[in-house]
C-alpha cells in the first residue's frame, strides 16, 4: 500500500467471507470481524504482519485464496500514546496510535464498569464518529457513535442492518469532548462484570482529507449531493432510520464513475456490481446516482464517513 498501515480492513470480493480487521495496537495477528460479534482471535494465517510498505497475509482462504479478488482499506495513525483513562470511576490502562493531523486514532482500553468512563482519543478536537468493540466477549456487537444520530443517547451497530437505537442503559454517557469519549456502564463498551478489553477507532473531519457527516435521501436517481470539499477515494454509508446495510465504495474497484461496486461491512456477501446501487465521486464530494434504499430512500437520513483521493485543499475534476 506504500506505507506501514496502523489499521487494515480486508474483504474477499468473490466469496461470501468475513470482513477481517487488524491494527497495529492489538497486533497484526489479532483479527476481528466487522460482520459478526465474534471475540478477537489470534491467528497469523489471516494477517501475519503489518510491514513498512503494506501487510503480509497468511494462507487462510478468507484473505488469500488463489485467483480470487480482494479489497483492502488501510489507514495510518502513527504516534504511540498510552496512559490511564479518565472521567468517572477507577482509571484503567490504555494504549494506542493517534494522528491529530489525520483525525484518526486507535485506542485499546480496559473497562471500569462506571458510567462516565472517559477514554482518551488524542485527536485534539471533538471526535465526530467513533466505533467500539469488546475484544473478549462474543455476544457484543460493534457500537458506533456518530454526531448526526438523533442525540448522544443513540448508537448504531456496525455488525448489523438495524436502524439507530437507544436503550435504558445507553452506550454513551455524554457527547465526547476534545479529550475523552465518555462511556456508559455497559458490556458492549464498558464492562459491567469484569475488566474486559476493548478497541476504539475515533474519527474527526479534516479539511481536504476526511469528512464525517450526513444527508437526507430523496428516492430520485438525480440524488442528493454530499459535500466533502474534496474528491473522495473511499466512502461508507448507513441509513439511520431503517434496516439497511452499511455500504462502502472506493476508487480502486471503480476507477471511473459510475461507482457501482459496493461491499457491505455488516454482511459476508460478495461484491455487488449492479448500477441500481451507485454513486459518483466528484471534485467536491459525492453525488448519489440511484434510488437504492442503501443510499437514497426518500426522507431517510444517511451517515457518511469519507476520505480524499488527494489529501490537499484542492482536487481535480473527475
C-alpha atoms as a PDB file:
ATOM      1  CA  UNK A   1       0.000   0.000   0.000  1.00  0.00           C
ATOM      2  CA  UNK A   2       3.071   2.259   0.051  1.00  0.00           C
ATOM      3  CA  UNK A   3       3.194   2.859   3.829  1.00  0.00           C
ATOM      4  CA  UNK A   4       3.017   0.899   7.063  1.00  0.00           C
ATOM      5  CA  UNK A   5      -0.679   0.781   7.961  1.00  0.00           C
ATOM      6  CA  UNK A   6      -1.948   1.024  11.511  1.00  0.00           C
ATOM      7  CA  UNK A   7      -5.363  -0.308  10.504  1.00  0.00           C
ATOM      8  CA  UNK A   8      -6.202  -2.775   7.726  1.00  0.00           C
ATOM      9  CA  UNK A   9      -9.664  -3.972   6.654  1.00  0.00           C
ATOM     10  CA  UNK A  10      -9.797  -6.877   4.153  1.00  0.00           C
ATOM     11  CA  UNK A  11     -12.694  -8.444   2.203  1.00  0.00           C
ATOM     12  CA  UNK A  12     -12.837 -11.213  -0.421  1.00  0.00           C
ATOM     13  CA  UNK A  13     -14.792  -9.664  -3.296  1.00  0.00           C
ATOM     14  CA  UNK A  14     -15.613 -13.024  -4.917  1.00  0.00           C
ATOM     15  CA  UNK A  15     -16.690 -15.175  -1.969  1.00  0.00           C
ATOM     16  CA  UNK A  16     -19.124 -14.829   0.939  1.00  0.00           C
ATOM     17  CA  UNK A  17     -16.377 -14.500   3.562  1.00  0.00           C
ATOM     18  CA  UNK A  18     -15.972 -12.307   6.629  1.00  0.00           C
ATOM     19  CA  UNK A  19     -14.559  -8.784   6.704  1.00  0.00           C
ATOM     20  CA  UNK A  20     -11.218  -9.048   8.541  1.00  0.00           C
ATOM     21  CA  UNK A  21      -9.920  -6.125  10.648  1.00  0.00           C
ATOM     22  CA  UNK A  22      -6.447  -5.858  12.166  1.00  0.00           C
ATOM     23  CA  UNK A  23      -4.488  -2.968  13.652  1.00  0.00           C
ATOM     24  CA  UNK A  24      -1.031  -2.226  14.980  1.00  0.00           C
ATOM     25  CA  UNK A  25      -2.297  -1.547  18.504  1.00  0.00           C
ATOM     26  CA  UNK A  26      -3.778  -5.004  19.082  1.00  0.00           C
ATOM     27  CA  UNK A  27      -1.103  -6.642  16.905  1.00  0.00           C
ATOM     28  CA  UNK A  28      -1.380  -7.715  13.278  1.00  0.00           C
ATOM     29  CA  UNK A  29      -2.226 -11.350  14.043  1.00  0.00           C
ATOM     30  CA  UNK A  30      -5.182 -10.402  16.269  1.00  0.00           C
ATOM     31  CA  UNK A  31      -8.170 -10.077  13.989  1.00  0.00           C
ATOM     32  CA  UNK A  32     -11.785  -9.033  14.470  1.00  0.00           C
ATOM     33  CA  UNK A  33     -14.708  -9.430  12.056  1.00  0.00           C
ATOM     34  CA  UNK A  34     -16.969  -6.450  11.334  1.00  0.00           C
ATOM     35  CA  UNK A  35     -19.948  -8.533  10.196  1.00  0.00           C
ATOM     36  CA  UNK A  36     -20.021 -10.666  13.357  1.00  0.00           C
ATOM     37  CA  UNK A  37     -19.995 -10.205  17.128  1.00  0.00           C
ATOM     38  CA  UNK A  38     -17.087 -12.664  17.453  1.00  0.00           C
ATOM     39  CA  UNK A  39     -14.386 -12.068  20.042  1.00  0.00           C
ATOM     40  CA  UNK A  40     -10.849 -11.313  18.918  1.00  0.00           C
ATOM     41  CA  UNK A  41      -8.809 -14.226  17.553  1.00  0.00           C
ATOM     42  CA  UNK A  42      -5.007 -14.507  17.406  1.00  0.00           C
ATOM     43  CA  UNK A  43      -4.226 -16.294  14.131  1.00  0.00           C
ATOM     44  CA  UNK A  44      -1.313 -15.427  11.839  1.00  0.00           C
ATOM     45  CA  UNK A  45      -2.889 -17.353   8.944  1.00  0.00           C
ATOM     46  CA  UNK A  46      -5.091 -14.283   8.412  1.00  0.00           C
ATOM     47  CA  UNK A  47      -2.685 -11.316   8.591  1.00  0.00           C
ATOM     48  CA  UNK A  48       0.853 -12.220   9.575  1.00  0.00           C
ATOM     49  CA  UNK A  49       2.368  -8.733   9.815  1.00  0.00           C
ATOM     50  CA  UNK A  50       1.973  -5.030   9.104  1.00  0.00           C
ATOM     51  CA  UNK A  51       5.034  -4.048   7.113  1.00  0.00           C
ATOM     52  CA  UNK A  52       6.848  -0.859   6.090  1.00  0.00           C
ATOM     53  CA  UNK A  53       5.077  -0.824   2.717  1.00  0.00           C
ATOM     54  CA  UNK A  54       1.854  -2.728   3.428  1.00  0.00           C
ATOM     55  CA  UNK A  55       0.921  -6.030   5.034  1.00  0.00           C
ATOM     56  CA  UNK A  56       1.609  -9.753   4.683  1.00  0.00           C
ATOM     57  CA  UNK A  57      -1.279 -12.227   4.668  1.00  0.00           C
ATOM     58  CA  UNK A  58      -1.193 -15.860   5.694  1.00  0.00           C
ATOM     59  CA  UNK A  59      -2.801 -18.738   3.815  1.00  0.00           C
ATOM     60  CA  UNK A  60      -6.347 -18.643   5.206  1.00  0.00           C
ATOM     61  CA  UNK A  61      -8.976 -18.691   2.463  1.00  0.00           C
ATOM     62  CA  UNK A  62     -10.680 -15.599   3.931  1.00  0.00           C
ATOM     63  CA  UNK A  63      -7.709 -13.413   2.976  1.00  0.00           C
ATOM     64  CA  UNK A  64      -5.702 -15.421   0.450  1.00  0.00           C
ATOM     65  CA  UNK A  65      -7.413 -17.799  -1.974  1.00  0.00           C
ATOM     66  CA  UNK A  66      -5.618 -18.378  -5.268  1.00  0.00           C
ATOM     67  CA  UNK A  67      -7.004 -16.334  -8.231  1.00  0.00           C
ATOM     68  CA  UNK A  68      -9.690 -14.634  -6.143  1.00  0.00           C
ATOM     69  CA  UNK A  69     -10.028 -10.854  -5.829  1.00  0.00           C
ATOM     70  CA  UNK A  70      -9.784  -8.907  -2.585  1.00  0.00           C
ATOM     71  CA  UNK A  71     -10.206  -5.344  -1.369  1.00  0.00           C
ATOM     72  CA  UNK A  72      -8.138  -3.844   1.438  1.00  0.00           C
ATOM     73  CA  UNK A  73      -8.611  -0.430   3.021  1.00  0.00           C
ATOM     74  CA  UNK A  74      -5.719   0.953   5.030  1.00  0.00           C
ATOM     75  CA  UNK A  75      -5.242   3.855   7.441  1.00  0.00           C
ATOM     76  CA  UNK A  76      -2.211   5.410   9.126  1.00  0.00           C
ATOM     77  CA  UNK A  77      -2.336   6.848  12.646  1.00  0.00           C
ATOM     78  CA  UNK A  78       1.300   6.968  13.639  1.00  0.00           C
ATOM     79  CA  UNK A  79       2.069   8.376  17.099  1.00  0.00           C
ATOM     80  CA  UNK A  80       2.142   5.942  20.022  1.00  0.00           C
ATOM     81  CA  UNK A  81       0.112   7.007  23.045  1.00  0.00           C
ATOM     82  CA  UNK A  82      -0.530   5.425  26.447  1.00  0.00           C
ATOM     83  CA  UNK A  83      -1.610   6.230  29.963  1.00  0.00           C
ATOM     84  CA  UNK A  84      -4.574   5.923  32.304  1.00  0.00           C
ATOM     85  CA  UNK A  85      -8.179   6.594  31.353  1.00  0.00           C
ATOM     86  CA  UNK A  86     -10.125   9.448  32.964  1.00  0.00           C
ATOM     87  CA  UNK A  87     -13.661  10.508  33.733  1.00  0.00           C
ATOM     88  CA  UNK A  88     -15.625   8.653  36.409  1.00  0.00           C
ATOM     89  CA  UNK A  89     -14.519   5.560  38.286  1.00  0.00           C
ATOM     90  CA  UNK A  90     -11.109   3.968  38.614  1.00  0.00           C
ATOM     91  CA  UNK A  91      -8.760   4.765  35.745  1.00  0.00           C
ATOM     92  CA  UNK A  92      -7.562   1.827  33.674  1.00  0.00           C
ATOM     93  CA  UNK A  93      -4.583   1.334  31.377  1.00  0.00           C
ATOM     94  CA  UNK A  94      -4.870   2.308  27.727  1.00  0.00           C
ATOM     95  CA  UNK A  95      -2.513   2.486  24.754  1.00  0.00           C
ATOM     96  CA  UNK A  96      -2.845   3.275  21.093  1.00  0.00           C
ATOM     97  CA  UNK A  97      -1.797   5.097  17.969  1.00  0.00           C
ATOM     98  CA  UNK A  98      -3.105   8.538  17.034  1.00  0.00           C
ATOM     99  CA  UNK A  99      -2.770  11.327  14.484  1.00  0.00           C
ATOM    100  CA  UNK A 100      -4.440  14.671  15.091  1.00  0.00           C
ATOM    101  CA  UNK A 101      -3.338  15.662  11.567  1.00  0.00           C
ATOM    102  CA  UNK A 102      -5.289  12.752  10.065  1.00  0.00           C
ATOM    103  CA  UNK A 103      -8.158  12.952  12.558  1.00  0.00           C
ATOM    104  CA  UNK A 104      -7.844   9.254  13.366  1.00  0.00           C
ATOM    105  CA  UNK A 105      -6.885   7.255  16.431  1.00  0.00           C
ATOM    106  CA  UNK A 106      -6.863   3.644  17.599  1.00  0.00           C
ATOM    107  CA  UNK A 107      -7.130   3.123  21.361  1.00  0.00           C
ATOM    108  CA  UNK A 108      -7.246  -0.142  23.284  1.00  0.00           C
ATOM    109  CA  UNK A 109      -8.514   0.142  26.837  1.00  0.00           C
ATOM    110  CA  UNK A 110      -9.876  -1.824  29.787  1.00  0.00           C
ATOM    111  CA  UNK A 111     -13.426  -1.283  31.019  1.00  0.00           C
ATOM    112  CA  UNK A 112     -14.081   0.044  34.534  1.00  0.00           C
ATOM    113  CA  UNK A 113     -17.833  -0.622  34.913  1.00  0.00           C
ATOM    114  CA  UNK A 114     -18.578   3.023  35.760  1.00  0.00           C
ATOM    115  CA  UNK A 115     -20.898   5.398  33.914  1.00  0.00           C
ATOM    116  CA  UNK A 116     -18.854   8.357  32.677  1.00  0.00           C
ATOM    117  CA  UNK A 117     -15.638   6.424  31.995  1.00  0.00           C
ATOM    118  CA  UNK A 118     -13.547   8.709  29.753  1.00  0.00           C
ATOM    119  CA  UNK A 119     -11.386   7.148  27.034  1.00  0.00           C
ATOM    120  CA  UNK A 120      -8.657   9.499  25.702  1.00  0.00           C
ATOM    121  CA  UNK A 121      -8.808   9.753  21.896  1.00  0.00           C
ATOM    122  CA  UNK A 122      -5.786  12.066  21.339  1.00  0.00           C
ATOM    123  CA  UNK A 123      -7.343  13.910  18.375  1.00  0.00           C
ATOM    124  CA  UNK A 124      -7.164  17.338  19.985  1.00  0.00           C
ATOM    125  CA  UNK A 125     -10.695  18.118  18.767  1.00  0.00           C
ATOM    126  CA  UNK A 126     -14.123  16.616  19.452  1.00  0.00           C
ATOM    127  CA  UNK A 127     -14.497  13.307  17.553  1.00  0.00           C
ATOM    128  CA  UNK A 128     -17.475  13.177  15.200  1.00  0.00           C
ATOM    129  CA  UNK A 129     -17.598   9.396  14.988  1.00  0.00           C
ATOM    130  CA  UNK A 130     -16.131   6.500  16.922  1.00  0.00           C
ATOM    131  CA  UNK A 131     -16.504   2.717  16.885  1.00  0.00           C
ATOM    132  CA  UNK A 132     -16.099   0.386  19.882  1.00  0.00           C
ATOM    133  CA  UNK A 133     -15.807  -3.416  20.098  1.00  0.00           C
ATOM    134  CA  UNK A 134     -15.451  -5.665  23.139  1.00  0.00           C
ATOM    135  CA  UNK A 135     -12.466  -7.833  22.208  1.00  0.00           C
ATOM    136  CA  UNK A 136     -13.199 -10.549  24.780  1.00  0.00           C
ATOM    137  CA  UNK A 137     -16.948 -11.109  24.533  1.00  0.00           C
ATOM    138  CA  UNK A 138     -18.506 -12.889  21.534  1.00  0.00           C
ATOM    139  CA  UNK A 139     -22.034 -11.695  22.378  1.00  0.00           C
ATOM    140  CA  UNK A 140     -21.330  -7.981  21.980  1.00  0.00           C
ATOM    141  CA  UNK A 141     -21.624  -6.009  18.760  1.00  0.00           C
ATOM    142  CA  UNK A 142     -19.737  -3.131  17.166  1.00  0.00           C
ATOM    143  CA  UNK A 143     -21.117   0.086  18.692  1.00  0.00           C
ATOM    144  CA  UNK A 144     -20.960   3.292  16.617  1.00  0.00           C
ATOM    145  CA  UNK A 145     -21.285   6.872  17.850  1.00  0.00           C
ATOM    146  CA  UNK A 146     -21.917   9.492  15.138  1.00  0.00           C
ATOM    147  CA  UNK A 147     -22.547  13.187  15.661  1.00  0.00           C
ATOM    148  CA  UNK A 148     -25.588  13.102  13.337  1.00  0.00           C
ATOM    149  CA  UNK A 149     -27.552  10.414  15.140  1.00  0.00           C
ATOM    150  CA  UNK A 150     -30.639  11.772  16.901  1.00  0.00           C
ATOM    151  CA  UNK A 151     -28.610  12.504  20.047  1.00  0.00           C
ATOM    152  CA  UNK A 152     -25.745  11.070  22.078  1.00  0.00           C
ATOM    153  CA  UNK A 153     -28.290   8.700  23.650  1.00  0.00           C
ATOM    154  CA  UNK A 154     -28.392   6.807  20.344  1.00  0.00           C
ATOM    155  CA  UNK A 155     -25.983   4.292  18.829  1.00  0.00           C
ATOM    156  CA  UNK A 156     -25.932   2.229  15.659  1.00  0.00           C
ATOM    157  CA  UNK A 157     -24.338  -1.192  15.139  1.00  0.00           C
ATOM    158  CA  UNK A 158     -21.641  -1.768  12.515  1.00  0.00           C
ATOM    159  CA  UNK A 159     -22.275  -5.529  12.510  1.00  0.00           C
ATOM    160  CA  UNK A 160     -25.989  -5.259  11.638  1.00  0.00           C
ATOM    161  CA  UNK A 161     -28.516  -3.624   9.358  1.00  0.00           C
ATOM    162  CA  UNK A 162     -30.547  -2.125  12.200  1.00  0.00           C
ATOM    163  CA  UNK A 163     -31.624   1.491  12.498  1.00  0.00           C
ATOM    164  CA  UNK A 164     -30.223   3.768  15.195  1.00  0.00           C
ATOM    165  CA  UNK A 165     -31.340   2.719  18.645  1.00  0.00           C
ATOM    166  CA  UNK A 166     -31.476   3.874  22.227  1.00  0.00           C
ATOM    167  CA  UNK A 167     -31.982   1.727  25.319  1.00  0.00           C
ATOM    168  CA  UNK A 168     -32.343   2.380  29.040  1.00  0.00           C
ATOM    169  CA  UNK A 169     -28.666   1.542  29.570  1.00  0.00           C
ATOM    170  CA  UNK A 170     -27.263   3.816  26.870  1.00  0.00           C
ATOM    171  CA  UNK A 171     -23.871   3.158  25.294  1.00  0.00           C
ATOM    172  CA  UNK A 172     -22.652   6.765  25.620  1.00  0.00           C
ATOM    173  CA  UNK A 173     -22.654   8.757  28.861  1.00  0.00           C
ATOM    174  CA  UNK A 174     -22.491  12.146  27.123  1.00  0.00           C
ATOM    175  CA  UNK A 175     -21.202  13.811  23.997  1.00  0.00           C
ATOM    176  CA  UNK A 176     -17.409  13.495  23.629  1.00  0.00           C
ATOM    177  CA  UNK A 177     -15.094  16.428  24.176  1.00  0.00           C
ATOM    178  CA  UNK A 178     -11.625  17.331  22.900  1.00  0.00           C
ATOM    179  CA  UNK A 179     -10.022  14.889  25.364  1.00  0.00           C
ATOM    180  CA  UNK A 180     -12.375  11.957  26.046  1.00  0.00           C
ATOM    181  CA  UNK A 181     -15.093   9.770  24.599  1.00  0.00           C
ATOM    182  CA  UNK A 182     -17.447   9.122  27.542  1.00  0.00           C
ATOM    183  CA  UNK A 183     -18.976   5.669  28.043  1.00  0.00           C
ATOM    184  CA  UNK A 184     -21.900   4.266  29.951  1.00  0.00           C
ATOM    185  CA  UNK A 185     -21.667   1.196  32.161  1.00  0.00           C
ATOM    186  CA  UNK A 186     -22.462  -1.401  29.514  1.00  0.00           C
ATOM    187  CA  UNK A 187     -20.934  -4.720  28.413  1.00  0.00           C
ATOM    188  CA  UNK A 188     -20.686  -3.552  24.801  1.00  0.00           C
ATOM    189  CA  UNK A 189     -18.431  -0.600  25.647  1.00  0.00           C
ATOM    190  CA  UNK A 190     -17.508  -0.595  29.370  1.00  0.00           C
ATOM    191  CA  UNK A 191     -17.648  -3.962  31.152  1.00  0.00           C
ATOM    192  CA  UNK A 192     -20.206  -4.400  33.935  1.00  0.00           C
ATOM    193  CA  UNK A 193     -18.798  -7.569  35.495  1.00  0.00           C
ATOM    194  CA  UNK A 194     -15.047  -7.772  34.994  1.00  0.00           C
ATOM    195  CA  UNK A 195     -12.231  -5.875  33.282  1.00  0.00           C
ATOM    196  CA  UNK A 196     -12.771  -6.706  29.604  1.00  0.00           C
ATOM    197  CA  UNK A 197     -10.522  -5.436  26.826  1.00  0.00           C
ATOM    198  CA  UNK A 198     -11.874  -3.068  24.150  1.00  0.00           C
ATOM    199  CA  UNK A 199     -10.778  -1.351  20.962  1.00  0.00           C
ATOM    200  CA  UNK A 200     -11.944   2.119  19.884  1.00  0.00           C
ATOM    201  CA  UNK A 201     -11.493   3.813  16.491  1.00  0.00           C
ATOM    202  CA  UNK A 202     -12.157   7.585  16.502  1.00  0.00           C
ATOM    203  CA  UNK A 203     -12.581   9.983  13.561  1.00  0.00           C
ATOM    204  CA  UNK A 204     -12.745  13.768  13.125  1.00  0.00           C
ATOM    205  CA  UNK A 205     -13.211  15.686   9.867  1.00  0.00           C
ATOM    206  CA  UNK A 206     -10.012  17.226   8.485  1.00  0.00           C
ATOM    207  CA  UNK A 207     -10.353  19.878   5.779  1.00  0.00           C
ATOM    208  CA  UNK A 208      -9.249  18.469   2.429  1.00  0.00           C
ATOM    209  CA  UNK A 209      -8.703  14.971   3.851  1.00  0.00           C
ATOM    210  CA  UNK A 210     -11.744  13.476   5.583  1.00  0.00           C
ATOM    211  CA  UNK A 211     -15.413  14.187   6.186  1.00  0.00           C
ATOM    212  CA  UNK A 212     -17.884  12.895   8.769  1.00  0.00           C
ATOM    213  CA  UNK A 213     -21.450  13.938   8.039  1.00  0.00           C
ATOM    214  CA  UNK A 214     -24.913  13.043   6.786  1.00  0.00           C
ATOM    215  CA  UNK A 215     -27.570  13.794   4.169  1.00  0.00           C
ATOM    216  CA  UNK A 216     -31.254  13.064   3.556  1.00  0.00           C
ATOM    217  CA  UNK A 217     -32.400  10.790   0.720  1.00  0.00           C
ATOM    218  CA  UNK A 218     -34.934  11.756  -1.958  1.00  0.00           C
ATOM    219  CA  UNK A 219     -35.609   8.443  -3.827  1.00  0.00           C
ATOM    220  CA  UNK A 220     -34.584  10.119  -7.089  1.00  0.00           C
ATOM    221  CA  UNK A 221     -31.896   8.890  -9.499  1.00  0.00           C
ATOM    222  CA  UNK A 222     -30.756  12.523  -9.508  1.00  0.00           C
ATOM    223  CA  UNK A 223     -29.964  12.075  -5.852  1.00  0.00           C
ATOM    224  CA  UNK A 224     -28.545  14.298  -3.118  1.00  0.00           C
ATOM    225  CA  UNK A 225     -25.095  15.834  -3.232  1.00  0.00           C
ATOM    226  CA  UNK A 226     -22.930  15.223  -0.169  1.00  0.00           C
ATOM    227  CA  UNK A 227     -20.309  17.956   0.099  1.00  0.00           C
ATOM    228  CA  UNK A 228     -16.835  16.901   1.217  1.00  0.00           C
ATOM    229  CA  UNK A 229     -14.646  19.719  -0.084  1.00  0.00           C
ATOM    230  CA  UNK A 230     -12.504  17.145  -1.893  1.00  0.00           C
ATOM    231  CA  UNK A 231     -12.733  14.304  -4.383  1.00  0.00           C
ATOM    232  CA  UNK A 232     -13.226  11.110  -2.342  1.00  0.00           C
ATOM    233  CA  UNK A 233     -11.342   7.864  -2.710  1.00  0.00           C
ATOM    234  CA  UNK A 234     -13.427   5.893  -0.159  1.00  0.00           C
ATOM    235  CA  UNK A 235     -16.833   6.377   1.413  1.00  0.00           C
ATOM    236  CA  UNK A 236     -19.083   4.426   3.786  1.00  0.00           C
ATOM    237  CA  UNK A 237     -22.850   4.981   4.170  1.00  0.00           C
ATOM    238  CA  UNK A 238     -25.555   3.866   6.623  1.00  0.00           C
ATOM    239  CA  UNK A 239     -29.259   4.706   6.848  1.00  0.00           C
ATOM    240  CA  UNK A 240     -30.173   5.706  10.394  1.00  0.00           C
ATOM    241  CA  UNK A 241     -33.934   5.179  10.344  1.00  0.00           C
ATOM    242  CA  UNK A 242     -34.408   1.779   8.708  1.00  0.00           C
ATOM    243  CA  UNK A 243     -32.854  -1.670   8.416  1.00  0.00           C
ATOM    244  CA  UNK A 244     -30.337  -1.175   5.599  1.00  0.00           C
ATOM    245  CA  UNK A 245     -26.757  -2.411   5.255  1.00  0.00           C
ATOM    246  CA  UNK A 246     -23.643  -0.350   5.646  1.00  0.00           C
ATOM    247  CA  UNK A 247     -22.220   0.242   2.154  1.00  0.00           C
ATOM    248  CA  UNK A 248     -18.647   1.003   1.036  1.00  0.00           C
ATOM    249  CA  UNK A 249     -17.411   2.337  -2.314  1.00  0.00           C
ATOM    250  CA  UNK A 250     -13.818   3.105  -3.334  1.00  0.00           C
ATOM    251  CA  UNK A 251     -11.900   4.350  -6.377  1.00  0.00           C
ATOM    252  CA  UNK A 252      -9.726   1.256  -6.781  1.00  0.00           C
ATOM    253  CA  UNK A 253     -12.589  -1.131  -7.502  1.00  0.00           C
ATOM    254  CA  UNK A 254     -14.220   1.569  -9.664  1.00  0.00           C
ATOM    255  CA  UNK A 255     -11.560   3.720 -11.278  1.00  0.00           C
ATOM    256  CA  UNK A 256     -14.153   5.878 -13.045  1.00  0.00           C
ATOM    257  CA  UNK A 257     -17.761   6.922 -12.420  1.00  0.00           C
ATOM    258  CA  UNK A 258     -20.302   5.350 -12.086  1.00  0.00           C
ATOM    259  CA  UNK A 259     -19.186   3.893  -8.758  1.00  0.00           C
ATOM    260  CA  UNK A 260     -21.282   0.734  -8.673  1.00  0.00           C
ATOM    261  CA  UNK A 261     -19.006  -1.839  -6.994  1.00  0.00           C
ATOM    262  CA  UNK A 262     -20.104  -1.959  -3.371  1.00  0.00           C
ATOM    263  CA  UNK A 263     -19.273  -4.062  -0.315  1.00  0.00           C
ATOM    264  CA  UNK A 264     -21.213  -4.347   2.923  1.00  0.00           C
ATOM    265  CA  UNK A 265     -19.264  -4.326   6.240  1.00  0.00           C
ATOM    266  CA  UNK A 266     -22.180  -5.905   8.138  1.00  0.00           C
ATOM    267  CA  UNK A 267     -22.555  -8.805   5.675  1.00  0.00           C
ATOM    268  CA  UNK A 268     -20.330 -11.582   4.335  1.00  0.00           C
ATOM    269  CA  UNK A 269     -21.855 -11.092   0.847  1.00  0.00           C
ATOM    270  CA  UNK A 270     -19.787 -10.983  -2.334  1.00  0.00           C
ATOM    271  CA  UNK A 271     -19.226  -7.662  -4.055  1.00  0.00           C
ATOM    272  CA  UNK A 272     -22.273  -6.082  -5.661  1.00  0.00           C
ATOM    273  CA  UNK A 273     -21.749  -4.542  -9.111  1.00  0.00           C
ATOM    274  CA  UNK A 274     -25.286  -3.509 -10.052  1.00  0.00           C
ATOM    275  CA  UNK A 275     -25.890   0.044 -11.278  1.00  0.00           C
ATOM    276  CA  UNK A 276     -29.079   0.050  -9.194  1.00  0.00           C
ATOM    277  CA  UNK A 277     -26.767   0.870  -6.247  1.00  0.00           C
ATOM    278  CA  UNK A 278     -24.407   3.588  -7.433  1.00  0.00           C
ATOM    279  CA  UNK A 279     -22.823   6.957  -6.707  1.00  0.00           C
ATOM    280  CA  UNK A 280     -20.324   9.332  -8.335  1.00  0.00           C
ATOM    281  CA  UNK A 281     -17.132  10.615  -6.739  1.00  0.00           C
ATOM    282  CA  UNK A 282     -16.919  14.212  -7.982  1.00  0.00           C
ATOM    283  CA  UNK A 283     -14.411  17.004  -7.435  1.00  0.00           C
ATOM    284  CA  UNK A 284     -16.047  18.318  -4.259  1.00  0.00           C
ATOM    285  CA  UNK A 285     -17.884  15.337  -2.840  1.00  0.00           C
ATOM    286  CA  UNK A 286     -20.357  12.558  -3.585  1.00  0.00           C
ATOM    287  CA  UNK A 287     -23.358  12.598  -5.918  1.00  0.00           C
ATOM    288  CA  UNK A 288     -25.960   9.894  -5.311  1.00  0.00           C
ATOM    289  CA  UNK A 289     -26.963   8.316  -8.638  1.00  0.00           C
ATOM    290  CA  UNK A 290     -29.521   5.650  -7.686  1.00  0.00           C
ATOM    291  CA  UNK A 291     -32.733   5.177  -5.737  1.00  0.00           C
ATOM    292  CA  UNK A 292     -31.459   2.188  -3.769  1.00  0.00           C
ATOM    293  CA  UNK A 293     -32.529   2.112  -0.121  1.00  0.00           C
ATOM    294  CA  UNK A 294     -28.917   1.647   0.997  1.00  0.00           C
ATOM    295  CA  UNK A 295     -28.084   5.199  -0.129  1.00  0.00           C
ATOM    296  CA  UNK A 296     -31.242   7.065  -1.159  1.00  0.00           C
ATOM    297  CA  UNK A 297     -34.622   6.299   0.396  1.00  0.00           C
ATOM    298  CA  UNK A 298     -36.877   9.352   0.495  1.00  0.00           C
ATOM    299  CA  UNK A 299     -36.764  11.130   3.837  1.00  0.00           C
ATOM    300  CA  UNK A 300     -34.186   8.755   5.335  1.00  0.00           C
ATOM    301  CA  UNK A 301     -31.049  10.192   6.891  1.00  0.00           C
ATOM    302  CA  UNK A 302     -27.709   8.632   5.949  1.00  0.00           C
ATOM    303  CA  UNK A 303     -24.439   8.713   7.875  1.00  0.00           C
ATOM    304  CA  UNK A 304     -21.255   9.191   5.831  1.00  0.00           C
ATOM    305  CA  UNK A 305     -17.550   8.708   6.501  1.00  0.00           C
ATOM    306  CA  UNK A 306     -15.365   9.710   3.522  1.00  0.00           C
ATOM    307  CA  UNK A 307     -11.657  10.128   2.737  1.00  0.00           C
ATOM    308  CA  UNK A 308      -9.933  12.081  -0.023  1.00  0.00           C
ATOM    309  CA  UNK A 309      -8.182  10.782  -3.118  1.00  0.00           C
ATOM    310  CA  UNK A 310      -5.541  13.512  -2.809  1.00  0.00           C
ATOM    311  CA  UNK A 311      -5.340  14.874   0.745  1.00  0.00           C
ATOM    312  CA  UNK A 312      -4.992  18.548  -0.099  1.00  0.00           C
ATOM    313  CA  UNK A 313      -7.277  21.567  -0.067  1.00  0.00           C
ATOM    314  CA  UNK A 314      -7.711  21.329  -3.836  1.00  0.00           C
ATOM    315  CA  UNK A 315      -8.716  18.387  -6.010  1.00  0.00           C
ATOM    316  CA  UNK A 316      -9.051  17.689  -9.705  1.00  0.00           C
ATOM    317  CA  UNK A 317     -12.368  17.279 -11.522  1.00  0.00           C
ATOM    318  CA  UNK A 318     -13.391  13.779 -12.408  1.00  0.00           C
END
